[in-house]
C-alpha atoms as a PDB file:
ATOM      1  CA  MET A   1       0.054   0.106  -0.061  1.00  0.00           C
ATOM      2  CA  HIS A   2       1.711   3.453  -1.113  1.00  0.00           C
ATOM      3  CA  MET A   3       2.435   6.211   1.330  1.00  0.00           C
ATOM      4  CA  LYS A   4      -0.531   8.444   1.865  1.00  0.00           C
ATOM      5  CA  LEU A   5      -0.119  12.033   0.429  1.00  0.00           C
ATOM      6  CA  SER A   6      -3.513  13.560   1.908  1.00  0.00           C
ATOM      7  CA  PHE A   7      -1.185  16.066   3.678  1.00  0.00           C
ATOM      8  CA  LEU A   8      -0.920  17.848   0.193  1.00  0.00           C
ATOM      9  CA  GLN A   9      -4.512  18.859   0.468  1.00  0.00           C
ATOM     10  CA  ASN A  10      -3.366  21.676   2.605  1.00  0.00           C
ATOM     11  CA  LYS A  11      -3.449  24.705   0.799  1.00  0.00           C
ATOM     12  CA  ILE A  12      -0.019  26.359   2.181  1.00  0.00           C
ATOM     13  CA  THR A  13       1.738  23.130   1.824  1.00  0.00           C
ATOM     14  CA  ALA A  14       0.524  22.754  -1.562  1.00  0.00           C
ATOM     15  CA  CYS A  15       1.739  26.292  -2.553  1.00  0.00           C
ATOM     16  CA  CYS A  16       4.987  25.865  -0.954  1.00  0.00           C
ATOM     17  CA  LEU A  17       5.619  22.645  -2.799  1.00  0.00           C
ATOM     18  CA  ALA A  18       4.491  24.210  -6.259  1.00  0.00           C
ATOM     19  CA  VAL A  19       6.792  27.126  -5.820  1.00  0.00           C
ATOM     20  CA  LEU A  20       9.670  24.464  -5.089  1.00  0.00           C
ATOM     21  CA  CYS A  21       8.871  22.739  -8.491  1.00  0.00           C
ATOM     22  CA  THR A  22       9.015  26.118 -10.223  1.00  0.00           C
ATOM     23  CA  LEU A  23      12.408  26.714  -8.649  1.00  0.00           C
ATOM     24  CA  LEU A  24      13.569  23.718 -10.015  1.00  0.00           C
ATOM     25  CA  TRP A  25      12.459  23.942 -13.356  1.00  0.00           C
ATOM     26  CA  GLY A  26      13.583  27.136 -13.554  1.00  0.00           C
ATOM     27  CA  THR A  27      17.179  25.871 -12.987  1.00  0.00           C
ATOM     28  CA  ALA A  28      16.654  23.537 -16.023  1.00  0.00           C
ATOM     29  CA  PHE A  29      16.795  26.214 -18.758  1.00  0.00           C
ATOM     30  CA  PRO A  30      20.341  27.393 -18.105  1.00  0.00           C
ATOM     31  CA  PHE A  31      21.353  24.269 -17.276  1.00  0.00           C
ATOM     32  CA  ILE A  32      20.279  22.609 -20.630  1.00  0.00           C
ATOM     33  CA  LYS A  33      22.073  25.226 -22.295  1.00  0.00           C
ATOM     34  CA  LEU A  34      25.264  24.734 -20.434  1.00  0.00           C
ATOM     35  CA  GLY A  35      24.906  20.777 -21.056  1.00  0.00           C
ATOM     36  CA  TYR A  36      24.884  21.905 -24.864  1.00  0.00           C
ATOM     37  CA  GLU A  37      27.994  23.498 -24.539  1.00  0.00           C
ATOM     38  CA  VAL A  38      29.559  20.476 -22.546  1.00  0.00           C
ATOM     39  CA  PHE A  39      28.495  17.880 -24.476  1.00  0.00           C
ATOM     40  CA  GLY A  40      29.212  19.439 -27.557  1.00  0.00           C
ATOM     41  CA  VAL A  41      25.825  19.964 -28.936  1.00  0.00           C
ATOM     42  CA  GLN A  42      25.627  22.305 -32.043  1.00  0.00           C
ATOM     43  CA  ASP A  43      22.576  24.482 -32.975  1.00  0.00           C
ATOM     44  CA  GLY A  44      20.394  22.431 -35.373  1.00  0.00           C
ATOM     45  CA  ALA A  45      21.886  19.043 -34.239  1.00  0.00           C
ATOM     46  CA  VAL A  46      18.331  17.355 -33.417  1.00  0.00           C
ATOM     47  CA  GLY A  47      19.802  14.112 -32.895  1.00  0.00           C
ATOM     48  CA  ASP A  48      22.363  15.093 -30.093  1.00  0.00           C
ATOM     49  CA  MET A  49      19.536  17.405 -28.560  1.00  0.00           C
ATOM     50  CA  LEU A  50      17.117  14.547 -28.406  1.00  0.00           C
ATOM     51  CA  LEU A  51      19.528  12.108 -27.046  1.00  0.00           C
ATOM     52  CA  PHE A  52      20.846  14.423 -24.419  1.00  0.00           C
ATOM     53  CA  ALA A  53      16.888  14.839 -23.400  1.00  0.00           C
ATOM     54  CA  GLY A  54      16.279  11.082 -23.666  1.00  0.00           C
ATOM     55  CA  LEU A  55      19.232  10.538 -21.121  1.00  0.00           C
ATOM     56  CA  ARG A  56      17.916  13.014 -18.787  1.00  0.00           C
ATOM     57  CA  PHE A  57      14.340  11.857 -18.595  1.00  0.00           C
ATOM     58  CA  THR A  58      15.308   7.850 -18.569  1.00  0.00           C
ATOM     59  CA  LEU A  59      17.749   8.663 -15.782  1.00  0.00           C
ATOM     60  CA  ALA A  60      14.815  10.819 -14.063  1.00  0.00           C
ATOM     61  CA  GLY A  61      12.517   7.927 -14.389  1.00  0.00           C
ATOM     62  CA  LEU A  62      14.899   5.448 -13.111  1.00  0.00           C
ATOM     63  CA  LEU A  63      15.658   7.830 -10.033  1.00  0.00           C
ATOM     64  CA  VAL A  64      11.983   7.981  -8.936  1.00  0.00           C
ATOM     65  CA  LEU A  65      11.373   4.227  -9.557  1.00  0.00           C
ATOM     66  CA  CYS A  66      14.527   3.524  -7.347  1.00  0.00           C
ATOM     67  CA  PHE A  67      12.651   5.780  -4.674  1.00  0.00           C
ATOM     68  CA  LEU A  68       9.481   4.102  -5.066  1.00  0.00           C
ATOM     69  CA  CYS A  69      11.083   0.668  -4.632  1.00  0.00           C
ATOM     70  CA  LEU A  70      13.000   1.823  -1.475  1.00  0.00           C
ATOM     71  CA  ARG A  71       9.671   3.353  -0.035  1.00  0.00           C
ATOM     72  CA  GLU A  72       7.705   0.182  -0.780  1.00  0.00           C
ATOM     73  CA  ARG A  73      10.618  -1.972   0.187  1.00  0.00           C
ATOM     74  CA  ARG A  74      10.024  -4.186  -2.969  1.00  0.00           C
ATOM     75  CA  PHE A  75      10.198  -3.869  -6.627  1.00  0.00           C
ATOM     76  CA  VAL A  76       7.015  -1.866  -7.843  1.00  0.00           C
ATOM     77  CA  PRO A  77       5.776  -3.029 -11.330  1.00  0.00           C
ATOM     78  CA  LEU A  78       3.777  -0.824 -13.471  1.00  0.00           C
ATOM     79  CA  GLY A  79       0.779  -2.751 -13.532  1.00  0.00           C
ATOM     80  CA  LYS A  80      -2.182  -3.289 -15.987  1.00  0.00           C
ATOM     81  CA  ASP A  81      -4.220  -0.452 -14.493  1.00  0.00           C
ATOM     82  CA  ASN A  82      -1.394   2.212 -14.850  1.00  0.00           C
ATOM     83  CA  ALA A  83      -0.081   1.112 -18.139  1.00  0.00           C
ATOM     84  CA  ALA A  84      -2.065   3.058 -20.647  1.00  0.00           C
ATOM     85  CA  PRO A  85      -2.305   5.964 -18.534  1.00  0.00           C
ATOM     86  CA  ALA A  86       1.538   6.264 -18.035  1.00  0.00           C
ATOM     87  CA  LEU A  87       2.080   5.460 -21.676  1.00  0.00           C
ATOM     88  CA  LEU A  88      -0.402   8.483 -22.496  1.00  0.00           C
ATOM     89  CA  LEU A  89       1.059  10.556 -20.193  1.00  0.00           C
ATOM     90  CA  GLY A  90       4.637   9.883 -21.037  1.00  0.00           C
ATOM     91  CA  SER A  91       3.767  10.576 -24.670  1.00  0.00           C
ATOM     92  CA  VAL A  92       2.266  13.992 -24.023  1.00  0.00           C
ATOM     93  CA  GLN A  93       4.027  15.247 -21.016  1.00  0.00           C
ATOM     94  CA  THR A  94       7.603  13.946 -21.776  1.00  0.00           C
ATOM     95  CA  LEU A  95       7.931  12.785 -25.441  1.00  0.00           C
ATOM     96  CA  GLY A  96       6.013  15.558 -27.273  1.00  0.00           C
ATOM     97  CA  GLN A  97       6.531  18.441 -24.915  1.00  0.00           C
ATOM     98  CA  TYR A  98      10.398  17.940 -24.726  1.00  0.00           C
ATOM     99  CA  LEU A  99      10.896  16.892 -28.244  1.00  0.00           C
ATOM    100  CA  PHE A 100       9.768  20.920 -29.260  1.00  0.00           C
ATOM    101  CA  THR A 101      11.733  22.261 -25.885  1.00  0.00           C
ATOM    102  CA  TYR A 102      15.047  20.700 -26.553  1.00  0.00           C
ATOM    103  CA  ILE A 103      15.257  21.601 -30.137  1.00  0.00           C
ATOM    104  CA  GLY A 104      13.811  25.158 -29.515  1.00  0.00           C
ATOM    105  CA  ILE A 105      15.924  25.833 -26.585  1.00  0.00           C
ATOM    106  CA  GLY A 106      18.975  25.653 -28.946  1.00  0.00           C
ATOM    107  CA  LEU A 107      17.708  28.440 -30.966  1.00  0.00           C
ATOM    108  CA  THR A 108      16.323  30.838 -28.644  1.00  0.00           C
ATOM    109  CA  THR A 109      17.610  32.438 -25.172  1.00  0.00           C
ATOM    110  CA  GLY A 110      17.403  30.770 -21.704  1.00  0.00           C
ATOM    111  CA  ALA A 111      15.263  33.638 -20.561  1.00  0.00           C
ATOM    112  CA  HIS A 112      12.790  33.446 -23.730  1.00  0.00           C
ATOM    113  CA  THR A 113      12.467  29.630 -23.174  1.00  0.00           C
ATOM    114  CA  SER A 114      11.256  30.220 -19.482  1.00  0.00           C
ATOM    115  CA  ILE A 115       8.789  33.090 -20.143  1.00  0.00           C
ATOM    116  CA  ILE A 116       7.239  31.581 -23.355  1.00  0.00           C
ATOM    117  CA  THR A 117       6.970  28.129 -21.323  1.00  0.00           C
ATOM    118  CA  ALA A 118       4.602  30.311 -19.096  1.00  0.00           C
ATOM    119  CA  CYS A 119       1.700  29.841 -21.865  1.00  0.00           C
ATOM    120  CA  ALA A 120       0.966  26.240 -20.628  1.00  0.00           C
ATOM    121  CA  SER A 121      -0.618  28.123 -17.407  1.00  0.00           C
ATOM    122  CA  PHE A 122      -2.918  29.824 -19.547  1.00  0.00           C
ATOM    123  CA  ILE A 123      -3.538  27.041 -21.959  1.00  0.00           C
ATOM    124  CA  THR A 124      -4.465  25.064 -18.826  1.00  0.00           C
ATOM    125  CA  VAL A 125      -6.467  27.715 -17.462  1.00  0.00           C
ATOM    126  CA  LEU A 126      -8.889  28.144 -20.420  1.00  0.00           C
ATOM    127  CA  ALA A 127      -8.887  24.333 -21.333  1.00  0.00           C
ATOM    128  CA  ALA A 128      -9.463  22.993 -17.738  1.00  0.00           C
ATOM    129  CA  PRO A 129     -13.159  24.088 -17.367  1.00  0.00           C
ATOM    130  CA  LEU A 130     -13.674  21.928 -20.573  1.00  0.00           C
ATOM    131  CA  PHE A 131     -12.661  18.754 -18.460  1.00  0.00           C
ATOM    132  CA  PHE A 132     -13.297  19.563 -14.852  1.00  0.00           C
ATOM    133  CA  LYS A 133     -16.097  21.249 -13.181  1.00  0.00           C
ATOM    134  CA  SER A 134     -14.184  22.235 -10.322  1.00  0.00           C
ATOM    135  CA  ASP A 135     -12.117  24.865 -12.549  1.00  0.00           C
ATOM    136  CA  ARG A 136     -14.432  27.484 -13.365  1.00  0.00           C
ATOM    137  CA  LEU A 137     -13.757  30.149 -15.911  1.00  0.00           C
ATOM    138  CA  THR A 138     -14.152  33.471 -14.204  1.00  0.00           C
ATOM    139  CA  ALA A 139     -13.750  37.143 -15.270  1.00  0.00           C
ATOM    140  CA  LEU A 140     -10.611  37.372 -12.849  1.00  0.00           C
ATOM    141  CA  LYS A 141      -9.092  34.352 -14.791  1.00  0.00           C
ATOM    142  CA  LEU A 142      -9.605  35.669 -18.304  1.00  0.00           C
ATOM    143  CA  PHE A 143      -8.224  38.945 -17.118  1.00  0.00           C
ATOM    144  CA  GLY A 144      -5.368  37.351 -15.389  1.00  0.00           C
ATOM    145  CA  CYS A 145      -4.832  35.463 -18.658  1.00  0.00           C
ATOM    146  CA  ALA A 146      -4.806  38.440 -20.537  1.00  0.00           C
ATOM    147  CA  LEU A 147      -2.098  40.277 -18.656  1.00  0.00           C
ATOM    148  CA  GLY A 148      -0.203  36.999 -18.575  1.00  0.00           C
ATOM    149  CA  PHE A 149       0.261  36.878 -22.337  1.00  0.00           C
ATOM    150  CA  GLY A 150       0.753  40.438 -22.360  1.00  0.00           C
ATOM    151  CA  GLY A 151       4.027  39.517 -20.484  1.00  0.00           C
ATOM    152  CA  VAL A 152       4.786  37.003 -22.912  1.00  0.00           C
ATOM    153  CA  LEU A 153       4.260  39.685 -25.565  1.00  0.00           C
ATOM    154  CA  VAL A 154       6.448  42.300 -24.220  1.00  0.00           C
ATOM    155  CA  MET A 155       9.285  39.965 -23.695  1.00  0.00           C
ATOM    156  CA  ASN A 156       9.220  38.439 -27.056  1.00  0.00           C
ATOM    157  CA  GLY A 157       7.007  40.470 -29.344  1.00  0.00           C
ATOM    158  CA  VAL A 158       9.269  43.437 -30.354  1.00  0.00           C
ATOM    159  CA  GLY A 159      12.807  44.061 -31.552  1.00  0.00           C
ATOM    160  CA  ASP A 160      15.213  42.504 -33.980  1.00  0.00           C
ATOM    161  CA  PHE A 161      16.355  40.199 -30.861  1.00  0.00           C
ATOM    162  CA  ALA A 162      12.725  38.544 -31.008  1.00  0.00           C
ATOM    163  CA  LEU A 163      12.851  37.975 -34.714  1.00  0.00           C
ATOM    164  CA  GLN A 164      16.451  36.491 -34.590  1.00  0.00           C
ATOM    165  CA  THR A 165      15.139  33.910 -32.071  1.00  0.00           C
ATOM    166  CA  LEU A 166      11.257  33.214 -33.596  1.00  0.00           C
ATOM    167  CA  PRO A 167      11.987  29.957 -34.841  1.00  0.00           C
ATOM    168  CA  GLY A 168      12.910  28.744 -31.464  1.00  0.00           C
ATOM    169  CA  ASP A 169      10.436  30.740 -29.816  1.00  0.00           C
ATOM    170  CA  LEU A 170       7.643  29.235 -32.057  1.00  0.00           C
ATOM    171  CA  LEU A 171       9.124  25.654 -31.143  1.00  0.00           C
ATOM    172  CA  ILE A 172       9.318  26.455 -27.244  1.00  0.00           C
ATOM    173  CA  PHE A 173       5.598  27.473 -27.846  1.00  0.00           C
ATOM    174  CA  GLY A 174       4.504  24.151 -29.270  1.00  0.00           C
ATOM    175  CA  SER A 175       6.094  22.461 -26.364  1.00  0.00           C
ATOM    176  CA  THR A 176       3.550  24.454 -24.163  1.00  0.00           C
ATOM    177  CA  VAL A 177       0.869  23.151 -25.834  1.00  0.00           C
ATOM    178  CA  PHE A 178       1.805  19.587 -24.893  1.00  0.00           C
ATOM    179  CA  ALA A 179       2.610  20.871 -21.379  1.00  0.00           C
ATOM    180  CA  ALA A 180      -0.905  22.072 -20.883  1.00  0.00           C
ATOM    181  CA  GLY A 181      -2.091  18.955 -22.270  1.00  0.00           C
ATOM    182  CA  GLY A 182       0.083  16.969 -19.502  1.00  0.00           C
ATOM    183  CA  ASN A 183      -1.280  18.642 -16.918  1.00  0.00           C
ATOM    184  CA  LEU A 184      -4.880  18.106 -17.855  1.00  0.00           C
ATOM    185  CA  ILE A 185      -4.300  14.486 -18.247  1.00  0.00           C
ATOM    186  CA  ALA A 186      -2.100  13.954 -14.953  1.00  0.00           C
ATOM    187  CA  LYS A 187      -5.147  15.677 -13.322  1.00  0.00           C
ATOM    188  CA  ARG A 188      -7.079  13.031 -14.886  1.00  0.00           C
ATOM    189  CA  VAL A 189      -5.220   9.914 -14.446  1.00  0.00           C
ATOM    190  CA  SER A 190      -4.077  10.575 -11.038  1.00  0.00           C
ATOM    191  CA  GLN A 191      -7.459  10.013  -9.420  1.00  0.00           C
ATOM    192  CA  GLY A 192      -7.383   6.837  -7.613  1.00  0.00           C
ATOM    193  CA  ARG A 193      -3.541   6.049  -8.627  1.00  0.00           C
ATOM    194  CA  ASP A 194      -0.305   6.393  -6.864  1.00  0.00           C
ATOM    195  CA  PRO A 195       1.113   9.693  -8.409  1.00  0.00           C
ATOM    196  CA  VAL A 196       4.843   8.799  -7.880  1.00  0.00           C
ATOM    197  CA  ARG A 197       4.483   5.587  -9.627  1.00  0.00           C
ATOM    198  CA  LEU A 198       3.014   7.206 -12.700  1.00  0.00           C
ATOM    199  CA  THR A 199       5.610   9.643 -12.729  1.00  0.00           C
ATOM    200  CA  ALA A 200       8.296   6.938 -12.872  1.00  0.00           C
ATOM    201  CA  TYR A 201       6.960   4.934 -15.460  1.00  0.00           C
ATOM    202  CA  GLN A 202       5.940   7.987 -17.603  1.00  0.00           C
ATOM    203  CA  LEU A 203       9.181   9.166 -17.467  1.00  0.00           C
ATOM    204  CA  LEU A 204      10.666   6.114 -18.292  1.00  0.00           C
ATOM    205  CA  PHE A 205       8.387   5.739 -21.221  1.00  0.00           C
ATOM    206  CA  GLY A 206       8.901   9.209 -22.639  1.00  0.00           C
ATOM    207  CA  GLY A 207      12.724   9.343 -22.205  1.00  0.00           C
ATOM    208  CA  ALA A 208      13.216   6.125 -23.555  1.00  0.00           C
ATOM    209  CA  GLY A 209      11.115   7.402 -26.785  1.00  0.00           C
ATOM    210  CA  LEU A 210      13.019  10.676 -27.037  1.00  0.00           C
ATOM    211  CA  ALA A 211      16.636   8.615 -26.841  1.00  0.00           C
ATOM    212  CA  VAL A 212      15.351   6.313 -29.772  1.00  0.00           C
ATOM    213  CA  LEU A 213      14.449   9.105 -31.732  1.00  0.00           C
ATOM    214  CA  GLY A 214      18.034  10.636 -31.027  1.00  0.00           C
ATOM    215  CA  LEU A 215      19.864   7.879 -31.899  1.00  0.00           C
ATOM    216  CA  LEU A 216      17.778   7.560 -35.083  1.00  0.00           C
ATOM    217  CA  PHE A 217      18.711  11.223 -35.916  1.00  0.00           C
ATOM    218  CA  GLY A 218      22.311  10.345 -35.451  1.00  0.00           C
ATOM    219  CA  GLY A 219      22.623  11.674 -31.984  1.00  0.00           C
ATOM    220  CA  CYS A 220      26.293  11.662 -30.305  1.00  0.00           C
ATOM    221  CA  LEU A 221      27.437  12.967 -27.107  1.00  0.00           C
ATOM    222  CA  ASN A 222      30.892  13.792 -26.098  1.00  0.00           C
ATOM    223  CA  TRP A 223      31.520  12.534 -22.863  1.00  0.00           C
ATOM    224  CA  GLN A 224      35.052  13.750 -22.451  1.00  0.00           C
ATOM    225  CA  ASN A 225      34.261  16.641 -19.792  1.00  0.00           C
ATOM    226  CA  GLY A 226      33.386  15.342 -16.470  1.00  0.00           C
ATOM    227  CA  ARG A 227      31.144  18.249 -15.815  1.00  0.00           C
ATOM    228  CA  GLY A 228      28.736  16.722 -18.186  1.00  0.00           C
ATOM    229  CA  VAL A 229      27.943  13.897 -15.992  1.00  0.00           C
ATOM    230  CA  TRP A 230      26.785  16.195 -13.161  1.00  0.00           C
ATOM    231  CA  ILE A 231      24.871  18.686 -15.173  1.00  0.00           C
ATOM    232  CA  LEU A 232      22.817  15.344 -16.543  1.00  0.00           C
ATOM    233  CA  LEU A 233      22.293  14.171 -12.868  1.00  0.00           C
ATOM    234  CA  TRP A 234      21.188  17.745 -11.948  1.00  0.00           C
ATOM    235  CA  LEU A 235      18.743  17.852 -14.809  1.00  0.00           C
ATOM    236  CA  ALA A 236      17.634  14.087 -14.288  1.00  0.00           C
ATOM    237  CA  PHE A 237      17.091  15.116 -10.310  1.00  0.00           C
ATOM    238  CA  VAL A 238      14.995  18.035 -11.159  1.00  0.00           C
ATOM    239  CA  SER A 239      12.564  15.992 -13.315  1.00  0.00           C
ATOM    240  CA  ALA A 240      12.388  13.339 -11.015  1.00  0.00           C
ATOM    241  CA  ALA A 241      11.655  15.587  -7.820  1.00  0.00           C
ATOM    242  CA  ALA A 242       9.648  18.323  -9.732  1.00  0.00           C
ATOM    243  CA  PHE A 243       6.993  15.792 -11.493  1.00  0.00           C
ATOM    244  CA  SER A 244       6.370  13.508  -8.965  1.00  0.00           C
ATOM    245  CA  ILE A 245       5.534  16.468  -6.724  1.00  0.00           C
ATOM    246  CA  TRP A 246       3.469  18.142  -9.595  1.00  0.00           C
ATOM    247  CA  THR A 247       1.561  15.111 -10.400  1.00  0.00           C
ATOM    248  CA  ALA A 248       0.505  14.529  -6.512  1.00  0.00           C
ATOM    249  CA  LEU A 249      -0.775  18.624  -6.421  1.00  0.00           C
ATOM    250  CA  LEU A 250      -2.798  17.802  -9.530  1.00  0.00           C
ATOM    251  CA  LYS A 251      -4.188  14.873  -7.839  1.00  0.00           C
ATOM    252  CA  TYR A 252      -5.729  17.165  -4.907  1.00  0.00           C
ATOM    253  CA  HIS A 253      -6.213  20.807  -6.660  1.00  0.00           C
ATOM    254  CA  PRO A 254      -7.759  22.040  -9.519  1.00  0.00           C
ATOM    255  CA  ALA A 255      -5.595  22.027 -12.524  1.00  0.00           C
ATOM    256  CA  GLY A 256      -6.075  25.587 -13.609  1.00  0.00           C
ATOM    257  CA  GLN A 257      -4.914  26.984 -10.024  1.00  0.00           C
ATOM    258  CA  ILE A 258      -2.062  24.489  -9.790  1.00  0.00           C
ATOM    259  CA  SER A 259      -0.615  25.267 -13.081  1.00  0.00           C
ATOM    260  CA  MET A 260      -0.321  28.973 -12.693  1.00  0.00           C
ATOM    261  CA  PHE A 261       2.176  28.610 -10.463  1.00  0.00           C
ATOM    262  CA  ASN A 262       4.226  27.534 -13.692  1.00  0.00           C
ATOM    263  CA  LEU A 263       4.331  31.521 -13.977  1.00  0.00           C
ATOM    264  CA  LEU A 264       7.033  31.791 -11.301  1.00  0.00           C
ATOM    265  CA  VAL A 265       9.137  29.615 -13.701  1.00  0.00           C
ATOM    266  CA  PRO A 266      10.296  32.698 -15.705  1.00  0.00           C
ATOM    267  CA  VAL A 267      11.265  34.846 -12.602  1.00  0.00           C
ATOM    268  CA  PHE A 268      13.516  31.866 -11.467  1.00  0.00           C
ATOM    269  CA  GLY A 269      14.775  31.102 -15.168  1.00  0.00           C
ATOM    270  CA  THR A 270      15.195  34.565 -16.021  1.00  0.00           C
ATOM    271  CA  PHE A 271      17.416  35.426 -12.995  1.00  0.00           C
ATOM    272  CA  LEU A 272      19.199  32.182 -13.251  1.00  0.00           C
ATOM    273  CA  SER A 273      19.908  32.678 -16.864  1.00  0.00           C
ATOM    274  CA  GLY A 274      21.715  36.190 -16.117  1.00  0.00           C
ATOM    275  CA  ILE A 275      23.826  34.764 -13.601  1.00  0.00           C
ATOM    276  CA  LEU A 276      24.756  31.245 -15.058  1.00  0.00           C
ATOM    277  CA  LEU A 277      24.873  32.347 -18.908  1.00  0.00           C
ATOM    278  CA  GLY A 278      25.492  36.010 -18.702  1.00  0.00           C
ATOM    279  CA  GLU A 279      22.566  37.080 -20.919  1.00  0.00           C
ATOM    280  CA  GLN A 280      21.297  40.527 -20.666  1.00  0.00           C
ATOM    281  CA  VAL A 281      18.256  39.974 -19.071  1.00  0.00           C
ATOM    282  CA  PHE A 282      17.994  42.777 -16.372  1.00  0.00           C
ATOM    283  CA  ARG A 283      16.204  45.517 -18.464  1.00  0.00           C
ATOM    284  CA  LEU A 284      13.087  47.364 -18.268  1.00  0.00           C
ATOM    285  CA  GLN A 285      11.422  45.026 -20.817  1.00  0.00           C
ATOM    286  CA  THR A 286      12.088  42.011 -18.647  1.00  0.00           C
ATOM    287  CA  LEU A 287      10.841  43.552 -15.534  1.00  0.00           C
ATOM    288  CA  LEU A 288       7.583  44.690 -17.099  1.00  0.00           C
ATOM    289  CA  SER A 289       6.980  41.247 -18.352  1.00  0.00           C
ATOM    290  CA  LEU A 290       7.673  39.535 -15.161  1.00  0.00           C
ATOM    291  CA  LEU A 291       5.374  42.066 -13.449  1.00  0.00           C
ATOM    292  CA  LEU A 292       2.483  41.544 -15.796  1.00  0.00           C
ATOM    293  CA  ILE A 293       3.078  37.671 -15.175  1.00  0.00           C
ATOM    294  CA  ALA A 294       3.009  38.059 -11.520  1.00  0.00           C
ATOM    295  CA  ALA A 295      -0.190  40.059 -11.525  1.00  0.00           C
ATOM    296  CA  GLY A 296      -1.718  37.367 -13.895  1.00  0.00           C
ATOM    297  CA  ILE A 297      -0.870  34.545 -11.577  1.00  0.00           C
ATOM    298  CA  VAL A 298      -2.602  36.552  -8.712  1.00  0.00           C
ATOM    299  CA  LEU A 299      -5.957  37.491 -10.346  1.00  0.00           C
ATOM    300  CA  VAL A 300      -6.152  33.628 -11.602  1.00  0.00           C
ATOM    301  CA  ASN A 301      -6.029  32.346  -8.035  1.00  0.00           C
ATOM    302  CA  LEU A 302      -8.379  34.863  -6.538  1.00  0.00           C
ATOM    303  CA  THR A 303     -11.313  32.039  -6.814  1.00  0.00           C
ATOM    304  CA  LYS A 304     -14.105  31.610  -4.520  1.00  0.00           C
ATOM    305  CA  SER A 305     -13.443  29.253  -1.452  1.00  0.00           C
ATOM    306  CA  GLY A 306     -15.993  27.019  -2.660  1.00  0.00           C
ATOM    307  CA  GLU A 307     -14.075  26.189  -5.637  1.00  0.00           C
ATOM    308  CA  THR A 308     -12.165  22.808  -5.129  1.00  0.00           C
ATOM    309  CA  SER A 309     -10.997  19.891  -6.847  1.00  0.00           C
END
């Protein structure tokens, strides 16, 4: 019998853990670009990028599975009841989402990537009412989404710099569509199931798919620099921890409310991109976009007390 996760129903606990997830994901963007440098992945080397992604998520799945087996003190198989949901979630949330992400991230900046990814939150908010009665679409939510999209446009819609990174920006936006779909699927399939088990096997399925695609496209990584191993391990840990917690939170809370915390990713991602990559992100344009996004997350979460999962 798996560990009880009912403590996640506490609103304060859920908010703190959601912020932790976004902090972890915020570190991923600059670390992926650092990984590309260390492993010798060049712009446009699709096979190398997909192989890198596949190794990351396969390793993440193994980490979650090891934790699960230690927790249960036995090997925990997928089980027939979990097979279809895990495969579906892995195909959308890992394979589909990161197929676009890992190609796009090599064609744009870490700051752009982190901010465009926030669009997944708005897509989830708008689509959730179609699937869950608990996720009502209100005027405040619509206004919050409008402010958030305004922040994305401020950061990416003006200047030659945006035109130069447009192909990568579009690919990253495509990844957000899969991310939003993954949020809705995770909310649905986690009901009555262990979210940790689902996370372990969906990461394994999705990671293996990405690795196979990478090899088919001729992917090859340069393992001569030992820093690459540590970067890959950190990225695997980020995925293992954040996806496990995130799926569990979606089980107990409305998808629209939880997904809006993704808007904190650009705050962490932009800040870390400036520190680790030396990108020019500390500008008035960046500050304005982040303020608009922050206002959006506040408005979307100003819901009636009766709205629950």
